[in-house]
Amino acid sequence: MSRDLTHFNEQGRAHMVDVTDKQVSQRTATAYARILMEPQTLTRIREGKMAKGDVLGVAQVAGIMAAKKTSDIIPMCHPLPLTKIDIRFEEHPEVNALDIYGTAKVSGVTGVEMEALTAVSVAALTVYDMCKAIDKGMVITTVCLLEKTGGKSGDFVRGGGSI
């Protein structure tokens, strides 16, 4: 195993990285997901006419809950005392898409990229779940990190046009 891979021990087996001696810093991460759907599905979401209820409200709460539980489902993630989670939605009727943005913040010793990515992924899955009765062809695409700040590795901003 390469010595550069921090999630492997001396035996080449996975382990949770020791962050005991790392400096506390303010860390943020924003992730993105897009879900493509039929035009009538997007209209029904906007108009609040989905049989299961308020799609965006439920997806927002699901994304927040998922961010808080990231370490329970991603094996090597550290549990974090998140200080902020925000989920935002943006409609794009011209391409029959709903964009989901999730931002997570923490004052801690490790980053929140996985929490932001988990938040948008679960929010997108929740949209699918709440709309699948009328649109089983929805496609969740382009789940990615848009930016992160803080920590030893410094800031990251996805270059323009790369999503």
N, C-alpha and C. Protein backbone atom coordinates (compact mmCIF):
# COMPACT_ATOMS: atom_id res chain seq x y z
N MET A 1 0.84 -1.19 0.00
CA MET A 1 0.00 0.00 0.00
C MET A 1 0.87 1.24 0.00
N SER A 2 0.41 2.25 -0.66
CA SER A 2 1.11 3.53 -0.67
C SER A 2 1.06 4.17 0.70
N ARG A 3 2.16 4.73 1.14
CA ARG A 3 2.23 5.42 2.43
C ARG A 3 1.41 6.71 2.43
N ASP A 4 1.01 7.17 1.24
CA ASP A 4 0.22 8.40 1.13
C ASP A 4 -1.25 8.19 1.45
N LEU A 5 -1.69 6.96 1.47
CA LEU A 5 -3.09 6.67 1.74
C LEU A 5 -3.30 6.59 3.26
N THR A 6 -4.00 7.57 3.80
CA THR A 6 -4.11 7.70 5.25
C THR A 6 -5.10 6.75 5.89
N HIS A 7 -5.97 6.12 5.13
CA HIS A 7 -6.98 5.25 5.71
C HIS A 7 -6.58 3.78 5.75
N PHE A 8 -5.26 3.51 5.66
CA PHE A 8 -4.78 2.15 5.76
C PHE A 8 -3.73 2.06 6.86
N ASN A 9 -3.78 0.98 7.64
CA ASN A 9 -2.79 0.79 8.70
C ASN A 9 -1.56 0.08 8.14
N GLU A 10 -0.62 -0.27 9.03
CA GLU A 10 0.64 -0.90 8.61
C GLU A 10 0.42 -2.24 7.90
N GLN A 11 -0.72 -2.88 8.18
CA GLN A 11 -1.03 -4.16 7.56
C GLN A 11 -1.80 -3.99 6.24
N GLY A 12 -2.02 -2.76 5.83
CA GLY A 12 -2.75 -2.52 4.60
C GLY A 12 -4.26 -2.63 4.75
N ARG A 13 -4.72 -2.62 5.99
CA ARG A 13 -6.16 -2.72 6.26
C ARG A 13 -6.72 -1.34 6.61
N ALA A 14 -7.99 -1.17 6.29
CA ALA A 14 -8.64 0.12 6.54
C ALA A 14 -8.71 0.42 8.03
N HIS A 15 -8.54 1.70 8.35
CA HIS A 15 -8.73 2.16 9.72
C HIS A 15 -9.19 3.61 9.70
N MET A 16 -9.75 4.04 10.81
CA MET A 16 -10.19 5.43 10.94
C MET A 16 -8.97 6.26 11.31
N VAL A 17 -8.74 7.33 10.56
CA VAL A 17 -7.56 8.17 10.75
C VAL A 17 -7.59 8.82 12.14
N ASP A 18 -6.44 8.89 12.77
CA ASP A 18 -6.30 9.54 14.07
C ASP A 18 -6.20 11.05 13.86
N VAL A 19 -7.19 11.78 14.37
CA VAL A 19 -7.21 13.24 14.22
C VAL A 19 -6.97 13.94 15.56
N THR A 20 -6.50 13.17 16.54
CA THR A 20 -6.32 13.68 17.90
C THR A 20 -5.51 14.97 17.95
N ASP A 21 -4.41 15.03 17.22
CA ASP A 21 -3.50 16.17 17.32
C ASP A 21 -3.74 17.26 16.28
N LYS A 22 -4.79 17.14 15.50
CA LYS A 22 -5.07 18.16 14.48
C LYS A 22 -5.65 19.41 15.14
N GLN A 23 -5.39 20.54 14.50
CA GLN A 23 -5.89 21.83 14.99
C GLN A 23 -7.36 22.00 14.64
N VAL A 24 -8.11 22.55 15.58
CA VAL A 24 -9.50 22.89 15.32
C VAL A 24 -9.53 24.09 14.38
N SER A 25 -10.39 24.02 13.38
CA SER A 25 -10.59 25.16 12.48
C SER A 25 -12.03 25.18 12.01
N GLN A 26 -12.44 26.32 11.47
CA GLN A 26 -13.77 26.45 10.89
C GLN A 26 -13.74 25.77 9.53
N ARG A 27 -14.65 24.87 9.29
CA ARG A 27 -14.68 24.11 8.05
C ARG A 27 -16.08 24.15 7.45
N THR A 28 -16.15 24.34 6.17
CA THR A 28 -17.43 24.32 5.46
C THR A 28 -17.28 23.49 4.20
N ALA A 29 -18.39 22.97 3.74
CA ALA A 29 -18.41 22.25 2.46
C ALA A 29 -19.78 22.44 1.84
N THR A 30 -19.79 22.62 0.53
CA THR A 30 -21.04 22.70 -0.23
C THR A 30 -21.00 21.66 -1.33
N ALA A 31 -22.06 20.86 -1.39
CA ALA A 31 -22.18 19.80 -2.39
C ALA A 31 -23.41 20.06 -3.26
N TYR A 32 -23.48 19.31 -4.34
CA TYR A 32 -24.52 19.51 -5.35
C TYR A 32 -25.02 18.17 -5.86
N ALA A 33 -26.30 18.12 -6.16
CA ALA A 33 -26.88 16.97 -6.86
C ALA A 33 -27.97 17.50 -7.78
N ARG A 34 -28.19 16.82 -8.87
CA ARG A 34 -29.26 17.18 -9.81
C ARG A 34 -30.14 15.95 -10.00
N ILE A 35 -31.45 16.18 -10.07
CA ILE A 35 -32.38 15.10 -10.39
C ILE A 35 -33.21 15.54 -11.60
N LEU A 36 -33.15 14.72 -12.63
CA LEU A 36 -33.89 14.97 -13.87
C LEU A 36 -35.23 14.25 -13.78
N MET A 37 -36.28 14.89 -14.33
CA MET A 37 -37.62 14.33 -14.21
C MET A 37 -38.49 14.80 -15.36
N GLU A 38 -39.66 14.23 -15.46
CA GLU A 38 -40.64 14.67 -16.45
C GLU A 38 -41.13 16.08 -16.10
N PRO A 39 -41.48 16.88 -17.11
CA PRO A 39 -41.94 18.25 -16.82
C PRO A 39 -43.12 18.31 -15.85
N GLN A 40 -44.06 17.39 -15.99
CA GLN A 40 -45.23 17.40 -15.11
C GLN A 40 -44.86 17.08 -13.66
N THR A 41 -43.79 16.33 -13.47
CA THR A 41 -43.34 16.02 -12.11
C THR A 41 -42.82 17.29 -11.44
N LEU A 42 -42.00 18.02 -12.16
CA LEU A 42 -41.47 19.28 -11.63
C LEU A 42 -42.62 20.26 -11.34
N THR A 43 -43.59 20.31 -12.21
CA THR A 43 -44.74 21.19 -12.00
C THR A 43 -45.51 20.79 -10.74
N ARG A 44 -45.76 19.51 -10.57
CA ARG A 44 -46.51 19.04 -9.39
C ARG A 44 -45.73 19.30 -8.10
N ILE A 45 -44.40 19.18 -8.14
CA ILE A 45 -43.59 19.51 -6.97
C ILE A 45 -43.77 20.99 -6.64
N ARG A 46 -43.63 21.84 -7.65
CA ARG A 46 -43.73 23.29 -7.47
C ARG A 46 -45.10 23.68 -6.92
N GLU A 47 -46.14 23.06 -7.43
CA GLU A 47 -47.51 23.41 -7.03
C GLU A 47 -47.97 22.69 -5.77
N GLY A 48 -47.12 21.83 -5.20
CA GLY A 48 -47.49 21.12 -3.98
C GLY A 48 -48.60 20.11 -4.19
N LYS A 49 -48.63 19.48 -5.36
CA LYS A 49 -49.71 18.55 -5.70
C LYS A 49 -49.25 17.10 -5.75
N MET A 50 -48.22 16.77 -5.01
CA MET A 50 -47.75 15.39 -4.97
C MET A 50 -48.51 14.66 -3.86
N ALA A 51 -48.96 13.47 -4.12
CA ALA A 51 -49.80 12.73 -3.17
C ALA A 51 -49.15 12.55 -1.80
N LYS A 52 -47.83 12.40 -1.78
CA LYS A 52 -47.15 12.17 -0.50
C LYS A 52 -46.90 13.44 0.30
N GLY A 53 -47.20 14.60 -0.28
CA GLY A 53 -47.06 15.85 0.48
C GLY A 53 -46.01 16.78 -0.08
N ASP A 54 -45.47 17.62 0.80
CA ASP A 54 -44.50 18.67 0.47
C ASP A 54 -43.14 18.05 0.16
N VAL A 55 -42.89 17.80 -1.11
CA VAL A 55 -41.68 17.10 -1.54
C VAL A 55 -40.42 17.83 -1.07
N LEU A 56 -40.33 19.12 -1.33
CA LEU A 56 -39.10 19.84 -0.98
C LEU A 56 -38.93 19.98 0.53
N GLY A 57 -40.01 20.16 1.25
CA GLY A 57 -39.92 20.23 2.70
C GLY A 57 -39.41 18.94 3.31
N VAL A 58 -39.94 17.83 2.84
CA VAL A 58 -39.51 16.52 3.35
C VAL A 58 -38.07 16.23 2.92
N ALA A 59 -37.73 16.55 1.67
CA ALA A 59 -36.37 16.31 1.18
C ALA A 59 -35.36 17.16 1.95
N GLN A 60 -35.75 18.38 2.30
CA GLN A 60 -34.86 19.25 3.07
C GLN A 60 -34.58 18.64 4.45
N VAL A 61 -35.60 18.20 5.13
CA VAL A 61 -35.42 17.59 6.45
C VAL A 61 -34.61 16.29 6.32
N ALA A 62 -34.89 15.50 5.29
CA ALA A 62 -34.14 14.25 5.08
C ALA A 62 -32.65 14.53 4.86
N GLY A 63 -32.34 15.56 4.07
CA GLY A 63 -30.94 15.92 3.85
C GLY A 63 -30.24 16.35 5.13
N ILE A 64 -30.93 17.12 5.94
CA ILE A 64 -30.36 17.56 7.22
C ILE A 64 -30.12 16.35 8.13
N MET A 65 -31.12 15.49 8.23
CA MET A 65 -30.97 14.29 9.07
C MET A 65 -29.82 13.41 8.58
N ALA A 66 -29.70 13.27 7.27
CA ALA A 66 -28.64 12.43 6.70
C ALA A 66 -27.26 12.99 7.02
N ALA A 67 -27.11 14.31 6.90
CA ALA A 67 -25.81 14.92 7.22
C ALA A 67 -25.42 14.61 8.66
N LYS A 68 -26.39 14.66 9.56
CA LYS A 68 -26.11 14.41 10.98
C LYS A 68 -25.77 12.94 11.24
N LYS A 69 -26.16 12.05 10.35
CA LYS A 69 -25.92 10.60 10.53
C LYS A 69 -24.83 10.06 9.61
N THR A 70 -24.07 10.92 8.96
CA THR A 70 -23.08 10.46 7.98
C THR A 70 -22.13 9.44 8.56
N SER A 71 -21.62 9.67 9.75
CA SER A 71 -20.65 8.72 10.33
C SER A 71 -21.28 7.36 10.63
N ASP A 72 -22.61 7.29 10.68
CA ASP A 72 -23.28 6.00 10.89
C ASP A 72 -23.33 5.16 9.62
N ILE A 73 -23.19 5.80 8.46
CA ILE A 73 -23.32 5.04 7.21
C ILE A 73 -22.07 5.03 6.34
N ILE A 74 -21.12 5.94 6.60
CA ILE A 74 -19.84 5.94 5.88
C ILE A 74 -18.79 5.46 6.89
N PRO A 75 -18.25 4.27 6.72
CA PRO A 75 -17.47 3.63 7.77
C PRO A 75 -16.30 4.42 8.35
N MET A 76 -15.55 5.17 7.57
CA MET A 76 -14.35 5.83 8.10
C MET A 76 -14.57 7.31 8.46
N CYS A 77 -15.81 7.77 8.40
CA CYS A 77 -16.11 9.16 8.78
C CYS A 77 -16.14 9.30 10.30
N HIS A 78 -15.58 10.41 10.77
CA HIS A 78 -15.65 10.74 12.19
C HIS A 78 -17.01 11.38 12.49
N PRO A 79 -17.60 11.08 13.65
CA PRO A 79 -18.82 11.78 14.03
C PRO A 79 -18.48 13.24 14.31
N LEU A 80 -19.27 14.15 13.76
CA LEU A 80 -18.96 15.58 13.89
C LEU A 80 -20.09 16.34 14.57
N PRO A 81 -19.74 17.32 15.39
CA PRO A 81 -20.76 18.20 15.99
C PRO A 81 -21.09 19.34 15.02
N LEU A 82 -21.89 19.04 14.02
CA LEU A 82 -22.20 20.01 12.98
C LEU A 82 -22.83 21.26 13.59
N THR A 83 -22.43 22.41 13.06
CA THR A 83 -22.97 23.68 13.55
C THR A 83 -23.95 24.29 12.57
N LYS A 84 -23.99 23.79 11.33
CA LYS A 84 -24.95 24.28 10.34
C LYS A 84 -25.11 23.24 9.24
N ILE A 85 -26.35 23.09 8.80
CA ILE A 85 -26.65 22.31 7.61
C ILE A 85 -27.76 23.07 6.89
N ASP A 86 -27.55 23.37 5.63
CA ASP A 86 -28.55 24.09 4.86
C ASP A 86 -28.75 23.37 3.54
N ILE A 87 -30.00 23.13 3.18
CA ILE A 87 -30.34 22.48 1.91
C ILE A 87 -31.18 23.48 1.11
N ARG A 88 -30.76 23.71 -0.13
CA ARG A 88 -31.47 24.64 -1.02
C ARG A 88 -31.81 23.93 -2.33
N PHE A 89 -32.90 24.36 -2.95
CA PHE A 89 -33.35 23.77 -4.20
C PHE A 89 -33.45 24.87 -5.26
N GLU A 90 -33.17 24.48 -6.49
CA GLU A 90 -33.27 25.40 -7.62
C GLU A 90 -33.89 24.65 -8.79
N GLU A 91 -35.00 25.15 -9.30
CA GLU A 91 -35.66 24.51 -10.44
C GLU A 91 -35.05 24.98 -11.76
N HIS A 92 -34.99 24.05 -12.70
CA HIS A 92 -34.55 24.37 -14.06
C HIS A 92 -35.53 23.73 -15.04
N PRO A 93 -36.71 24.37 -15.22
CA PRO A 93 -37.73 23.78 -16.10
C PRO A 93 -37.28 23.61 -17.54
N GLU A 94 -36.33 24.42 -17.98
CA GLU A 94 -35.86 24.32 -19.36
C GLU A 94 -35.18 22.98 -19.65
N VAL A 95 -34.68 22.32 -18.60
CA VAL A 95 -34.06 21.00 -18.77
C VAL A 95 -34.71 19.95 -17.87
N ASN A 96 -35.87 20.29 -17.29
CA ASN A 96 -36.62 19.36 -16.43
C ASN A 96 -35.75 18.83 -15.28
N ALA A 97 -35.11 19.77 -14.58
CA ALA A 97 -34.19 19.37 -13.52
C ALA A 97 -34.47 20.15 -12.23
N LEU A 98 -34.15 19.49 -11.14
CA LEU A 98 -34.15 20.12 -9.83
C LEU A 98 -32.74 19.99 -9.28
N ASP A 99 -32.12 21.13 -9.00
CA ASP A 99 -30.77 21.14 -8.42
C ASP A 99 -30.88 21.24 -6.91
N ILE A 100 -30.01 20.52 -6.24
CA ILE A 100 -30.00 20.49 -4.77
C ILE A 100 -28.61 20.90 -4.32
N TYR A 101 -28.56 21.86 -3.41
CA TYR A 101 -27.30 22.34 -2.83
C TYR A 101 -27.35 22.10 -1.33
N GLY A 102 -26.28 21.56 -0.80
CA GLY A 102 -26.21 21.32 0.64
C GLY A 102 -24.91 21.88 1.19
N THR A 103 -25.03 22.67 2.25
CA THR A 103 -23.85 23.23 2.91
C THR A 103 -23.81 22.74 4.35
N ALA A 104 -22.64 22.28 4.77
CA ALA A 104 -22.43 21.84 6.14
C ALA A 104 -21.27 22.63 6.73
N LYS A 105 -21.36 22.91 8.03
CA LYS A 105 -20.31 23.65 8.74
C LYS A 105 -20.00 22.96 10.05
N VAL A 106 -18.73 23.10 10.46
CA VAL A 106 -18.30 22.58 11.74
C VAL A 106 -17.08 23.36 12.21
N SER A 107 -16.91 23.45 13.49
CA SER A 107 -15.67 23.93 14.08
C SER A 107 -15.02 22.67 14.63
N GLY A 108 -14.04 22.14 13.91
CA GLY A 108 -13.52 20.84 14.30
C GLY A 108 -12.18 20.52 13.69
N VAL A 109 -11.80 19.24 13.83
CA VAL A 109 -10.48 18.80 13.39
C VAL A 109 -10.52 18.01 12.08
N THR A 110 -11.69 17.84 11.53
CA THR A 110 -11.81 17.14 10.25
C THR A 110 -12.93 17.77 9.44
N GLY A 111 -12.87 17.60 8.13
CA GLY A 111 -13.77 18.30 7.23
C GLY A 111 -15.18 17.76 7.18
N VAL A 112 -16.04 18.49 6.48
CA VAL A 112 -17.46 18.16 6.39
C VAL A 112 -17.91 17.86 4.96
N GLU A 113 -16.96 17.50 4.11
CA GLU A 113 -17.32 17.19 2.73
C GLU A 113 -18.31 16.03 2.65
N MET A 114 -18.07 14.97 3.40
CA MET A 114 -18.93 13.80 3.32
C MET A 114 -20.34 14.11 3.83
N GLU A 115 -20.43 14.99 4.82
CA GLU A 115 -21.74 15.37 5.35
C GLU A 115 -22.54 16.15 4.30
N ALA A 116 -21.89 17.06 3.59
CA ALA A 116 -22.57 17.82 2.54
C ALA A 116 -22.98 16.90 1.39
N LEU A 117 -22.09 15.99 0.99
CA LEU A 117 -22.40 15.05 -0.09
C LEU A 117 -23.52 14.10 0.30
N THR A 118 -23.51 13.63 1.53
CA THR A 118 -24.57 12.75 2.02
C THR A 118 -25.90 13.49 2.04
N ALA A 119 -25.87 14.75 2.47
CA ALA A 119 -27.10 15.54 2.55
C ALA A 119 -27.78 15.67 1.19
N VAL A 120 -27.02 16.04 0.15
CA VAL A 120 -27.64 16.22 -1.16
C VAL A 120 -28.06 14.89 -1.78
N SER A 121 -27.30 13.85 -1.51
CA SER A 121 -27.65 12.52 -2.03
C SER A 121 -28.98 12.05 -1.45
N VAL A 122 -29.13 12.16 -0.15
CA VAL A 122 -30.36 11.70 0.50
C VAL A 122 -31.53 12.62 0.16
N ALA A 123 -31.29 13.90 0.04
CA ALA A 123 -32.36 14.80 -0.39
C ALA A 123 -32.85 14.39 -1.78
N ALA A 124 -31.93 14.08 -2.69
CA ALA A 124 -32.31 13.64 -4.03
C ALA A 124 -33.06 12.31 -3.99
N LEU A 125 -32.60 11.39 -3.19
CA LEU A 125 -33.30 10.10 -3.05
C LEU A 125 -34.70 10.30 -2.49
N THR A 126 -34.85 11.26 -1.59
CA THR A 126 -36.17 11.54 -1.02
C THR A 126 -37.11 12.11 -2.07
N VAL A 127 -36.60 13.01 -2.91
CA VAL A 127 -37.42 13.52 -4.01
C VAL A 127 -37.87 12.35 -4.88
N TYR A 128 -36.95 11.46 -5.20
CA TYR A 128 -37.30 10.29 -6.01
C TYR A 128 -38.40 9.48 -5.32
N ASP A 129 -38.20 9.19 -4.04
CA ASP A 129 -39.17 8.38 -3.30
C ASP A 129 -40.55 9.01 -3.31
N MET A 130 -40.61 10.32 -3.13
CA MET A 130 -41.90 10.98 -3.02
C MET A 130 -42.60 11.16 -4.37
N CYS A 131 -41.85 11.01 -5.46
CA CYS A 131 -42.42 11.23 -6.80
C CYS A 131 -42.46 9.99 -7.67
N LYS A 132 -41.93 8.88 -7.19
CA LYS A 132 -41.79 7.69 -8.04
C LYS A 132 -43.12 7.13 -8.51
N ALA A 133 -44.20 7.40 -7.80
CA ALA A 133 -45.50 6.88 -8.23
C ALA A 133 -45.91 7.43 -9.59
N ILE A 134 -45.46 8.64 -9.92
CA ILE A 134 -45.84 9.22 -11.22
C ILE A 134 -44.67 9.32 -12.19
N ASP A 135 -43.43 9.08 -11.70
CA ASP A 135 -42.26 9.26 -12.58
C ASP A 135 -41.11 8.34 -12.14
N LYS A 136 -41.18 7.10 -12.54
CA LYS A 136 -40.12 6.15 -12.18
C LYS A 136 -38.84 6.36 -13.00
N GLY A 137 -38.91 7.18 -14.03
CA GLY A 137 -37.75 7.43 -14.89
C GLY A 137 -36.83 8.54 -14.42
N MET A 138 -37.09 9.10 -13.25
CA MET A 138 -36.20 10.16 -12.75
C MET A 138 -34.77 9.65 -12.66
N VAL A 139 -33.81 10.56 -12.87
CA VAL A 139 -32.40 10.19 -12.82
C VAL A 139 -31.67 11.18 -11.91
N ILE A 140 -30.97 10.64 -10.92
CA ILE A 140 -30.13 11.47 -10.04
C ILE A 140 -28.75 11.51 -10.69
N THR A 141 -28.26 12.73 -10.93
CA THR A 141 -26.98 12.88 -11.62
C THR A 141 -26.06 13.85 -10.88
N THR A 142 -24.82 13.84 -11.27
CA THR A 142 -23.85 14.86 -10.91
C THR A 142 -23.79 15.18 -9.42
N VAL A 143 -23.66 14.18 -8.60
CA VAL A 143 -23.42 14.43 -7.18
C VAL A 143 -21.93 14.76 -7.03
N CYS A 144 -21.64 15.96 -6.51
CA CYS A 144 -20.24 16.36 -6.41
C CYS A 144 -20.03 17.43 -5.35
N LEU A 145 -18.78 17.56 -4.95
CA LEU A 145 -18.38 18.63 -4.04
C LEU A 145 -18.15 19.89 -4.87
N LEU A 146 -18.78 21.00 -4.47
CA LEU A 146 -18.57 22.27 -5.16
C LEU A 146 -17.44 23.06 -4.55
N GLU A 147 -17.40 23.07 -3.20
CA GLU A 147 -16.32 23.80 -2.54
C GLU A 147 -16.19 23.35 -1.10
N LYS A 148 -15.00 23.61 -0.56
CA LYS A 148 -14.76 23.35 0.86
C LYS A 148 -13.74 24.37 1.34
N THR A 149 -13.86 24.71 2.62
CA THR A 149 -12.92 25.65 3.22
C THR A 149 -12.41 25.07 4.54
N GLY A 150 -11.22 25.51 4.92
CA GLY A 150 -10.65 25.12 6.20
C GLY A 150 -9.82 23.86 6.12
N GLY A 151 -9.09 23.63 7.19
CA GLY A 151 -8.29 22.42 7.28
C GLY A 151 -6.92 22.54 6.67
N LYS A 152 -6.11 21.53 6.94
CA LYS A 152 -4.72 21.48 6.50
C LYS A 152 -4.57 21.52 4.98
N SER A 153 -5.49 20.87 4.28
CA SER A 153 -5.36 20.81 2.81
C SER A 153 -5.81 22.10 2.14
N GLY A 154 -6.38 23.02 2.89
CA GLY A 154 -6.76 24.31 2.32
C GLY A 154 -8.12 24.28 1.63
N ASP A 155 -8.38 25.34 0.92
CA ASP A 155 -9.67 25.50 0.28
C ASP A 155 -9.70 24.80 -1.08
N PHE A 156 -10.91 24.46 -1.51
CA PHE A 156 -11.14 23.84 -2.81
C PHE A 156 -12.38 24.49 -3.40
N VAL A 157 -12.32 24.87 -4.66
CA VAL A 157 -13.47 25.36 -5.40
C VAL A 157 -13.45 24.66 -6.75
N ARG A 158 -14.56 23.98 -7.07
CA ARG A 158 -14.67 23.29 -8.36
C ARG A 158 -14.57 24.33 -9.47
N GLY A 159 -13.81 24.04 -10.46
CA GLY A 159 -13.64 24.95 -11.59
C GLY A 159 -14.93 25.13 -12.37
N GLY A 160 -15.09 26.30 -12.97
CA GLY A 160 -16.28 26.61 -13.76
C GLY A 160 -16.51 25.63 -14.88
N GLY A 161 -17.76 25.28 -15.07
CA GLY A 161 -18.13 24.41 -16.18
C GLY A 161 -17.82 22.94 -15.98
N SER A 162 -17.39 22.55 -14.76
CA SER A 162 -17.00 21.14 -14.58
C SER A 162 -18.09 20.30 -13.95
N ILE A 163 -19.32 20.85 -13.83
CA ILE A 163 -20.42 20.00 -13.39
C ILE A 163 -21.48 19.92 -14.46
